[in-house]
Amino acid sequence: MRQSGHWEDGDPLAASSFERLVAESIGSLDVDQARQEVLPFVRQPEALEVWSREFFAEIVKRIKIIEIKKRAS
């Protein structure tokens, strides 16, 4: 996320920050535009009919975040 400029903080990305960023992204997502962008790469276009902001919010809840603590030097 640092390479893309989405995370500029010097600290590691915490779970709470990740969740906030994802929620903001989903909130501003143009679902119809996203659907049109991926349509050429999908064999079964009807599978995209379920896409909505609510759909993506539910999918994100399945992500398991593992925070790795730095070892003391």
N, C-alpha and C. Protein backbone atom coordinates (compact mmCIF):
# COMPACT_ATOMS: atom_id res chain seq x y z
N MET A 1 0.81 -1.19 0.00
CA MET A 1 0.00 0.00 0.00
C MET A 1 0.86 1.26 0.00
N ARG A 2 2.07 1.12 0.49
CA ARG A 2 2.96 2.28 0.43
C ARG A 2 3.35 2.58 -1.01
N GLN A 3 3.59 1.54 -1.80
CA GLN A 3 3.99 1.76 -3.19
C GLN A 3 2.91 2.46 -3.98
N SER A 4 1.65 2.17 -3.69
CA SER A 4 0.55 2.79 -4.41
C SER A 4 0.19 4.16 -3.84
N GLY A 5 0.75 4.49 -2.66
CA GLY A 5 0.46 5.77 -2.04
C GLY A 5 -0.77 5.75 -1.15
N HIS A 6 -1.36 4.58 -0.94
CA HIS A 6 -2.56 4.48 -0.10
C HIS A 6 -2.23 4.43 1.39
N TRP A 7 -0.98 4.15 1.72
CA TRP A 7 -0.55 4.12 3.12
C TRP A 7 0.80 4.81 3.22
N GLU A 8 0.80 6.02 3.78
CA GLU A 8 2.03 6.80 3.86
C GLU A 8 2.59 6.87 5.28
N ASP A 9 1.86 6.34 6.23
CA ASP A 9 2.30 6.35 7.62
C ASP A 9 3.56 5.51 7.76
N GLY A 10 4.45 5.91 8.64
CA GLY A 10 5.69 5.16 8.86
C GLY A 10 5.48 3.87 9.63
N ASP A 11 4.39 3.80 10.38
CA ASP A 11 4.09 2.60 11.16
C ASP A 11 3.47 1.53 10.27
N PRO A 12 3.54 0.27 10.69
CA PRO A 12 2.86 -0.80 9.94
C PRO A 12 1.35 -0.54 9.89
N LEU A 13 0.73 -1.06 8.89
CA LEU A 13 -0.71 -0.90 8.72
C LEU A 13 -1.44 -1.76 9.75
N ALA A 14 -2.15 -1.14 10.66
CA ALA A 14 -2.89 -1.85 11.70
C ALA A 14 -4.22 -2.33 11.12
N ALA A 15 -4.78 -3.34 11.75
CA ALA A 15 -6.06 -3.90 11.31
C ALA A 15 -7.15 -2.83 11.26
N SER A 16 -7.20 -1.97 12.25
CA SER A 16 -8.24 -0.93 12.29
C SER A 16 -8.09 0.05 11.13
N SER A 17 -6.86 0.38 10.78
CA SER A 17 -6.62 1.29 9.65
C SER A 17 -6.99 0.62 8.33
N PHE A 18 -6.62 -0.65 8.20
CA PHE A 18 -6.98 -1.41 7.00
C PHE A 18 -8.49 -1.45 6.83
N GLU A 19 -9.20 -1.76 7.90
CA GLU A 19 -10.66 -1.85 7.83
C GLU A 19 -11.28 -0.51 7.45
N ARG A 20 -10.74 0.58 8.00
CA ARG A 20 -11.24 1.91 7.66
C ARG A 20 -11.01 2.23 6.19
N LEU A 21 -9.81 1.95 5.69
CA LEU A 21 -9.49 2.23 4.30
C LEU A 21 -10.37 1.41 3.34
N VAL A 22 -10.58 0.15 3.67
CA VAL A 22 -11.42 -0.70 2.83
C VAL A 22 -12.86 -0.19 2.84
N ALA A 23 -13.36 0.17 4.02
CA ALA A 23 -14.73 0.69 4.11
C ALA A 23 -14.90 1.97 3.29
N GLU A 24 -13.90 2.85 3.34
CA GLU A 24 -13.94 4.08 2.53
C GLU A 24 -13.94 3.76 1.04
N SER A 25 -13.12 2.79 0.65
CA SER A 25 -13.04 2.42 -0.77
C SER A 25 -14.36 1.83 -1.25
N ILE A 26 -14.94 0.96 -0.46
CA ILE A 26 -16.23 0.36 -0.85
C ILE A 26 -17.31 1.44 -0.91
N GLY A 27 -17.27 2.37 0.04
CA GLY A 27 -18.26 3.45 0.07
C GLY A 27 -18.22 4.34 -1.15
N SER A 28 -17.05 4.48 -1.75
CA SER A 28 -16.93 5.34 -2.93
C SER A 28 -16.90 4.56 -4.24
N LEU A 29 -17.08 3.25 -4.16
CA LEU A 29 -17.01 2.39 -5.34
C LEU A 29 -18.20 2.62 -6.28
N ASP A 30 -17.90 2.83 -7.55
CA ASP A 30 -18.93 2.86 -8.59
C ASP A 30 -19.06 1.43 -9.09
N VAL A 31 -20.02 0.70 -8.55
CA VAL A 31 -20.16 -0.73 -8.84
C VAL A 31 -20.41 -0.97 -10.32
N ASP A 32 -21.23 -0.15 -10.94
CA ASP A 32 -21.51 -0.34 -12.38
C ASP A 32 -20.25 -0.17 -13.21
N GLN A 33 -19.44 0.82 -12.87
CA GLN A 33 -18.19 1.04 -13.61
C GLN A 33 -17.24 -0.14 -13.39
N ALA A 34 -17.13 -0.61 -12.16
CA ALA A 34 -16.26 -1.76 -11.88
C ALA A 34 -16.72 -2.99 -12.65
N ARG A 35 -18.01 -3.20 -12.69
CA ARG A 35 -18.57 -4.34 -13.43
C ARG A 35 -18.21 -4.24 -14.91
N GLN A 36 -18.33 -3.06 -15.49
CA GLN A 36 -18.00 -2.86 -16.90
C GLN A 36 -16.52 -3.09 -17.18
N GLU A 37 -15.67 -2.71 -16.22
CA GLU A 37 -14.22 -2.87 -16.41
C GLU A 37 -13.79 -4.33 -16.41
N VAL A 38 -14.45 -5.17 -15.62
CA VAL A 38 -14.04 -6.58 -15.55
C VAL A 38 -14.81 -7.47 -16.50
N LEU A 39 -15.90 -6.99 -17.03
CA LEU A 39 -16.76 -7.78 -17.90
C LEU A 39 -16.02 -8.50 -19.03
N PRO A 40 -15.07 -7.86 -19.72
CA PRO A 40 -14.36 -8.56 -20.80
C PRO A 40 -13.55 -9.77 -20.34
N PHE A 41 -13.28 -9.88 -19.04
CA PHE A 41 -12.45 -10.96 -18.53
C PHE A 41 -13.24 -12.07 -17.83
N VAL A 42 -14.56 -11.96 -17.85
CA VAL A 42 -15.42 -12.89 -17.12
C VAL A 42 -16.17 -13.79 -18.10
N ARG A 43 -16.08 -15.08 -17.87
CA ARG A 43 -16.77 -16.04 -18.75
C ARG A 43 -18.26 -16.08 -18.51
N GLN A 44 -18.69 -15.86 -17.27
CA GLN A 44 -20.10 -15.88 -16.93
C GLN A 44 -20.52 -14.52 -16.38
N PRO A 45 -20.89 -13.59 -17.26
CA PRO A 45 -21.22 -12.23 -16.83
C PRO A 45 -22.34 -12.16 -15.79
N GLU A 46 -23.22 -13.14 -15.78
CA GLU A 46 -24.32 -13.13 -14.81
C GLU A 46 -23.80 -13.24 -13.37
N ALA A 47 -22.58 -13.73 -13.20
CA ALA A 47 -21.99 -13.83 -11.87
C ALA A 47 -21.76 -12.44 -11.26
N LEU A 48 -21.66 -11.43 -12.09
CA LEU A 48 -21.42 -10.07 -11.62
C LEU A 48 -22.69 -9.38 -11.13
N GLU A 49 -23.83 -10.00 -11.35
CA GLU A 49 -25.10 -9.40 -10.96
C GLU A 49 -25.21 -9.22 -9.44
N VAL A 50 -24.49 -10.02 -8.68
CA VAL A 50 -24.54 -9.91 -7.21
C VAL A 50 -23.71 -8.75 -6.68
N TRP A 51 -22.88 -8.16 -7.52
CA TRP A 51 -22.00 -7.09 -7.08
C TRP A 51 -22.81 -5.89 -6.59
N SER A 52 -22.47 -5.43 -5.41
CA SER A 52 -23.04 -4.21 -4.83
C SER A 52 -22.08 -3.79 -3.72
N ARG A 53 -22.27 -2.62 -3.19
CA ARG A 53 -21.42 -2.20 -2.07
C ARG A 53 -21.63 -3.13 -0.88
N GLU A 54 -22.86 -3.54 -0.66
CA GLU A 54 -23.17 -4.45 0.44
C GLU A 54 -22.48 -5.80 0.24
N PHE A 55 -22.46 -6.29 -1.00
CA PHE A 55 -21.80 -7.55 -1.32
C PHE A 55 -20.32 -7.49 -0.95
N PHE A 56 -19.64 -6.42 -1.37
CA PHE A 56 -18.21 -6.29 -1.09
C PHE A 56 -17.97 -6.11 0.41
N ALA A 57 -18.84 -5.39 1.10
CA ALA A 57 -18.69 -5.22 2.54
C ALA A 57 -18.78 -6.57 3.25
N GLU A 58 -19.66 -7.43 2.79
CA GLU A 58 -19.78 -8.77 3.38
C GLU A 58 -18.55 -9.62 3.08
N ILE A 59 -18.03 -9.53 1.88
CA ILE A 59 -16.84 -10.30 1.50
C ILE A 59 -15.64 -9.87 2.35
N VAL A 60 -15.50 -8.58 2.57
CA VAL A 60 -14.37 -8.06 3.34
C VAL A 60 -14.39 -8.59 4.77
N LYS A 61 -15.56 -8.85 5.31
CA LYS A 61 -15.66 -9.38 6.68
C LYS A 61 -14.98 -10.74 6.81
N ARG A 62 -14.77 -11.43 5.70
CA ARG A 62 -14.14 -12.75 5.71
C ARG A 62 -12.62 -12.68 5.76
N ILE A 63 -12.05 -11.51 5.57
CA ILE A 63 -10.60 -11.36 5.59
C ILE A 63 -10.09 -11.51 7.02
N LYS A 64 -9.14 -12.36 7.21
CA LYS A 64 -8.52 -12.57 8.51
C LYS A 64 -7.23 -11.75 8.54
N ILE A 65 -7.13 -10.88 9.50
CA ILE A 65 -5.96 -10.01 9.62
C ILE A 65 -5.07 -10.54 10.73
N ILE A 66 -3.83 -10.77 10.39
CA ILE A 66 -2.85 -11.26 11.35
C ILE A 66 -1.80 -10.17 11.54
N GLU A 67 -1.75 -9.66 12.73
CA GLU A 67 -0.76 -8.62 13.02
C GLU A 67 0.50 -9.27 13.55
N ILE A 68 1.61 -8.93 12.95
CA ILE A 68 2.90 -9.48 13.35
C ILE A 68 3.61 -8.44 14.20
N LYS A 69 3.95 -8.84 15.39
CA LYS A 69 4.67 -7.96 16.30
C LYS A 69 6.16 -8.04 16.02
N LYS A 70 6.82 -6.90 16.03
CA LYS A 70 8.27 -6.87 15.84
C LYS A 70 8.93 -7.44 17.07
N ARG A 71 9.99 -8.20 16.83
CA ARG A 71 10.78 -8.72 17.95
C ARG A 71 11.69 -7.63 18.47
N ALA A 72 11.89 -7.65 19.76
CA ALA A 72 12.81 -6.68 20.39
C ALA A 72 14.23 -6.99 19.94
N SER A 73 14.97 -5.96 19.58
CA SER A 73 16.35 -6.16 19.13
C SER A 73 17.32 -6.10 20.25
